[in-house]
Amino acid sequence: MLPKDLIAASSRPLILSILQEQESYGYAILQRVRELSEKQIEWTDGMLYPVLHRLETEDLIVSEWKTAESGRERKYYRITPAGRTALRGARQQWLVVHETLAKLWTPLTASI
């Protein structure tokens, strides 16, 4: 299980990336994160919805109530142009961190 601070730091770019693929609703976002992480990241409703509300307040996503095929009303979220811009910035920042760690860890992998 990942530490809470890493989960919190990664939640915004993960949500924006998922919504860049297609619009989605809360439970489906939770399932997509679980699937992508091979069950290493398991969010709760209590973690997801405050982040979605913040992203919406910042105009990075918008929401709309829709009727699903099951007939159930669901709140669907989609990324905005400002959200796409924010995602590009977040992606660059995460790539810097990833590349830096990869440089440090490559020699370790060889010696393990």
C-alpha atoms as a PDB file:
ATOM      1  CA  MET A   1       0.000   0.000   0.000  1.00  0.00           C
ATOM      2  CA  LEU A   2       1.291   3.450  -0.880  1.00  0.00           C
ATOM      3  CA  PRO A   3       1.692   6.148   1.777  1.00  0.00           C
ATOM      4  CA  LYS A   4      -1.058   8.754   2.034  1.00  0.00           C
ATOM      5  CA  ASP A   5       1.183  11.646   1.017  1.00  0.00           C
ATOM      6  CA  LEU A   6       2.134   9.943  -2.252  1.00  0.00           C
ATOM      7  CA  ILE A   7      -1.486   9.069  -2.959  1.00  0.00           C
ATOM      8  CA  ALA A   8      -2.515  12.677  -2.287  1.00  0.00           C
ATOM      9  CA  ALA A   9       0.235  14.097  -4.510  1.00  0.00           C
ATOM     10  CA  SER A  10      -0.667  11.802  -7.397  1.00  0.00           C
ATOM     11  CA  SER A  11      -4.452  12.127  -7.212  1.00  0.00           C
ATOM     12  CA  ARG A  12      -4.813  15.265  -9.349  1.00  0.00           C
ATOM     13  CA  PRO A  13      -2.721  14.084 -12.313  1.00  0.00           C
ATOM     14  CA  LEU A  14      -4.283  10.623 -12.140  1.00  0.00           C
ATOM     15  CA  ILE A  15      -7.842  11.990 -12.192  1.00  0.00           C
ATOM     16  CA  LEU A  16      -7.071  14.470 -14.971  1.00  0.00           C
ATOM     17  CA  SER A  17      -5.379  11.732 -17.002  1.00  0.00           C
ATOM     18  CA  ILE A  18      -8.350   9.410 -16.621  1.00  0.00           C
ATOM     19  CA  LEU A  19     -10.745  12.184 -17.643  1.00  0.00           C
ATOM     20  CA  GLN A  20      -8.551  12.980 -20.632  1.00  0.00           C
ATOM     21  CA  GLU A  21      -9.282   9.439 -21.856  1.00  0.00           C
ATOM     22  CA  GLN A  22     -13.036   9.988 -21.519  1.00  0.00           C
ATOM     23  CA  GLU A  23     -15.632  11.470 -19.215  1.00  0.00           C
ATOM     24  CA  SER A  24     -16.385   9.325 -16.204  1.00  0.00           C
ATOM     25  CA  TYR A  25     -18.208   9.108 -12.873  1.00  0.00           C
ATOM     26  CA  GLY A  26     -16.793   8.607  -9.393  1.00  0.00           C
ATOM     27  CA  TYR A  27     -17.026   4.836  -9.004  1.00  0.00           C
ATOM     28  CA  ALA A  28     -15.608   4.260 -12.490  1.00  0.00           C
ATOM     29  CA  ILE A  29     -12.664   6.556 -11.672  1.00  0.00           C
ATOM     30  CA  LEU A  30     -11.982   4.536  -8.507  1.00  0.00           C
ATOM     31  CA  GLN A  31     -12.072   1.313 -10.516  1.00  0.00           C
ATOM     32  CA  ARG A  32      -9.828   2.696 -13.281  1.00  0.00           C
ATOM     33  CA  VAL A  33      -7.157   3.747 -10.760  1.00  0.00           C
ATOM     34  CA  ARG A  34      -7.349   0.324  -9.137  1.00  0.00           C
ATOM     35  CA  GLU A  35      -7.043  -1.386 -12.523  1.00  0.00           C
ATOM     36  CA  LEU A  36      -4.173   0.792 -13.788  1.00  0.00           C
ATOM     37  CA  SER A  37      -2.197   0.341 -10.565  1.00  0.00           C
ATOM     38  CA  GLU A  38      -2.856  -3.402 -10.472  1.00  0.00           C
ATOM     39  CA  LYS A  39      -4.602  -2.902  -7.111  1.00  0.00           C
ATOM     40  CA  GLN A  40      -1.622  -1.050  -5.616  1.00  0.00           C
ATOM     41  CA  ILE A  41      -3.655   2.187  -5.344  1.00  0.00           C
ATOM     42  CA  GLU A  42      -7.106   1.853  -3.814  1.00  0.00           C
ATOM     43  CA  TRP A  43      -8.888   5.115  -3.214  1.00  0.00           C
ATOM     44  CA  THR A  44     -11.992   5.604  -1.119  1.00  0.00           C
ATOM     45  CA  ASP A  45     -14.968   7.832  -1.835  1.00  0.00           C
ATOM     46  CA  GLY A  46     -13.783  10.025   1.016  1.00  0.00           C
ATOM     47  CA  MET A  47     -10.513  10.668  -0.787  1.00  0.00           C
ATOM     48  CA  LEU A  48     -11.844  10.971  -4.349  1.00  0.00           C
ATOM     49  CA  TYR A  49     -14.789  13.338  -4.025  1.00  0.00           C
ATOM     50  CA  PRO A  50     -12.975  16.194  -2.244  1.00  0.00           C
ATOM     51  CA  VAL A  51     -10.346  16.132  -5.018  1.00  0.00           C
ATOM     52  CA  LEU A  52     -13.058  16.139  -7.699  1.00  0.00           C
ATOM     53  CA  HIS A  53     -14.751  19.106  -5.995  1.00  0.00           C
ATOM     54  CA  ARG A  54     -11.444  21.010  -5.814  1.00  0.00           C
ATOM     55  CA  LEU A  55     -10.709  20.330  -9.481  1.00  0.00           C
ATOM     56  CA  GLU A  56     -14.194  21.550 -10.342  1.00  0.00           C
ATOM     57  CA  THR A  57     -13.775  24.701  -8.225  1.00  0.00           C
ATOM     58  CA  GLU A  58     -10.513  25.378 -10.084  1.00  0.00           C
ATOM     59  CA  ASP A  59     -12.356  24.930 -13.430  1.00  0.00           C
ATOM     60  CA  LEU A  60     -10.097  22.016 -14.392  1.00  0.00           C
ATOM     61  CA  ILE A  61     -13.109  19.712 -14.714  1.00  0.00           C
ATOM     62  CA  VAL A  62     -16.860  20.147 -15.086  1.00  0.00           C
ATOM     63  CA  SER A  63     -19.664  17.830 -14.042  1.00  0.00           C
ATOM     64  CA  GLU A  64     -23.082  16.967 -15.350  1.00  0.00           C
ATOM     65  CA  TRP A  65     -25.798  14.649 -14.082  1.00  0.00           C
ATOM     66  CA  LYS A  66     -26.732  11.990 -16.639  1.00  0.00           C
ATOM     67  CA  THR A  67     -28.895   8.914 -16.712  1.00  0.00           C
ATOM     68  CA  ALA A  68     -26.801   5.776 -17.144  1.00  0.00           C
ATOM     69  CA  GLU A  69     -27.922   2.761 -19.203  1.00  0.00           C
ATOM     70  CA  SER A  70     -29.122   1.206 -15.945  1.00  0.00           C
ATOM     71  CA  GLY A  71     -31.496   4.152 -15.494  1.00  0.00           C
ATOM     72  CA  ARG A  72     -29.522   5.416 -12.517  1.00  0.00           C
ATOM     73  CA  GLU A  73     -28.540   9.081 -12.266  1.00  0.00           C
ATOM     74  CA  ARG A  74     -24.768   9.583 -12.123  1.00  0.00           C
ATOM     75  CA  LYS A  75     -22.611  12.655 -11.954  1.00  0.00           C
ATOM     76  CA  TYR A  76     -20.165  12.515 -14.856  1.00  0.00           C
ATOM     77  CA  TYR A  77     -16.958  14.540 -14.899  1.00  0.00           C
ATOM     78  CA  ARG A  78     -14.989  15.741 -17.901  1.00  0.00           C
ATOM     79  CA  ILE A  79     -11.752  17.649 -18.283  1.00  0.00           C
ATOM     80  CA  THR A  80     -11.797  21.283 -19.439  1.00  0.00           C
ATOM     81  CA  PRO A  81      -9.246  23.034 -21.664  1.00  0.00           C
ATOM     82  CA  ALA A  82      -7.707  24.521 -18.491  1.00  0.00           C
ATOM     83  CA  GLY A  83      -7.552  20.990 -17.067  1.00  0.00           C
ATOM     84  CA  ARG A  84      -5.686  19.781 -20.149  1.00  0.00           C
ATOM     85  CA  THR A  85      -3.170  22.597 -19.697  1.00  0.00           C
ATOM     86  CA  ALA A  86      -2.762  21.745 -16.002  1.00  0.00           C
ATOM     87  CA  LEU A  87      -2.308  18.087 -16.908  1.00  0.00           C
ATOM     88  CA  ARG A  88       0.490  18.917 -19.367  1.00  0.00           C
ATOM     89  CA  GLY A  89       2.283  20.838 -16.600  1.00  0.00           C
ATOM     90  CA  ALA A  90       1.777  18.054 -14.064  1.00  0.00           C
ATOM     91  CA  ARG A  91       3.022  15.482 -16.559  1.00  0.00           C
ATOM     92  CA  GLN A  92       6.246  17.425 -17.090  1.00  0.00           C
ATOM     93  CA  GLN A  93       6.782  17.716 -13.324  1.00  0.00           C
ATOM     94  CA  TRP A  94       6.191  14.000 -12.709  1.00  0.00           C
ATOM     95  CA  LEU A  95       8.496  13.062 -15.576  1.00  0.00           C
ATOM     96  CA  VAL A  96      11.297  15.110 -14.008  1.00  0.00           C
ATOM     97  CA  VAL A  97      10.815  13.265 -10.708  1.00  0.00           C
ATOM     98  CA  HIS A  98      10.578   9.886 -12.454  1.00  0.00           C
ATOM     99  CA  GLU A  99      13.676  10.455 -14.582  1.00  0.00           C
ATOM    100  CA  THR A 100      15.680  11.686 -11.596  1.00  0.00           C
ATOM    101  CA  LEU A 101      14.753   8.649  -9.500  1.00  0.00           C
ATOM    102  CA  ALA A 102      15.465   6.327 -12.430  1.00  0.00           C
ATOM    103  CA  LYS A 103      18.993   7.733 -12.677  1.00  0.00           C
ATOM    104  CA  LEU A 104      19.540   7.148  -8.979  1.00  0.00           C
ATOM    105  CA  TRP A 105      17.969   3.711  -8.869  1.00  0.00           C
ATOM    106  CA  THR A 106      19.473   2.192 -12.026  1.00  0.00           C
ATOM    107  CA  PRO A 107      22.866   1.581 -10.357  1.00  0.00           C
ATOM    108  CA  LEU A 108      21.056   0.140  -7.321  1.00  0.00           C
ATOM    109  CA  THR A 109      19.153  -2.338  -9.469  1.00  0.00           C
ATOM    110  CA  ALA A 110      22.393  -3.627 -10.957  1.00  0.00           C
ATOM    111  CA  SER A 111      23.934  -4.152  -7.531  1.00  0.00           C
ATOM    112  CA  ILE A 112      20.953  -5.849  -5.870  1.00  0.00           C
END
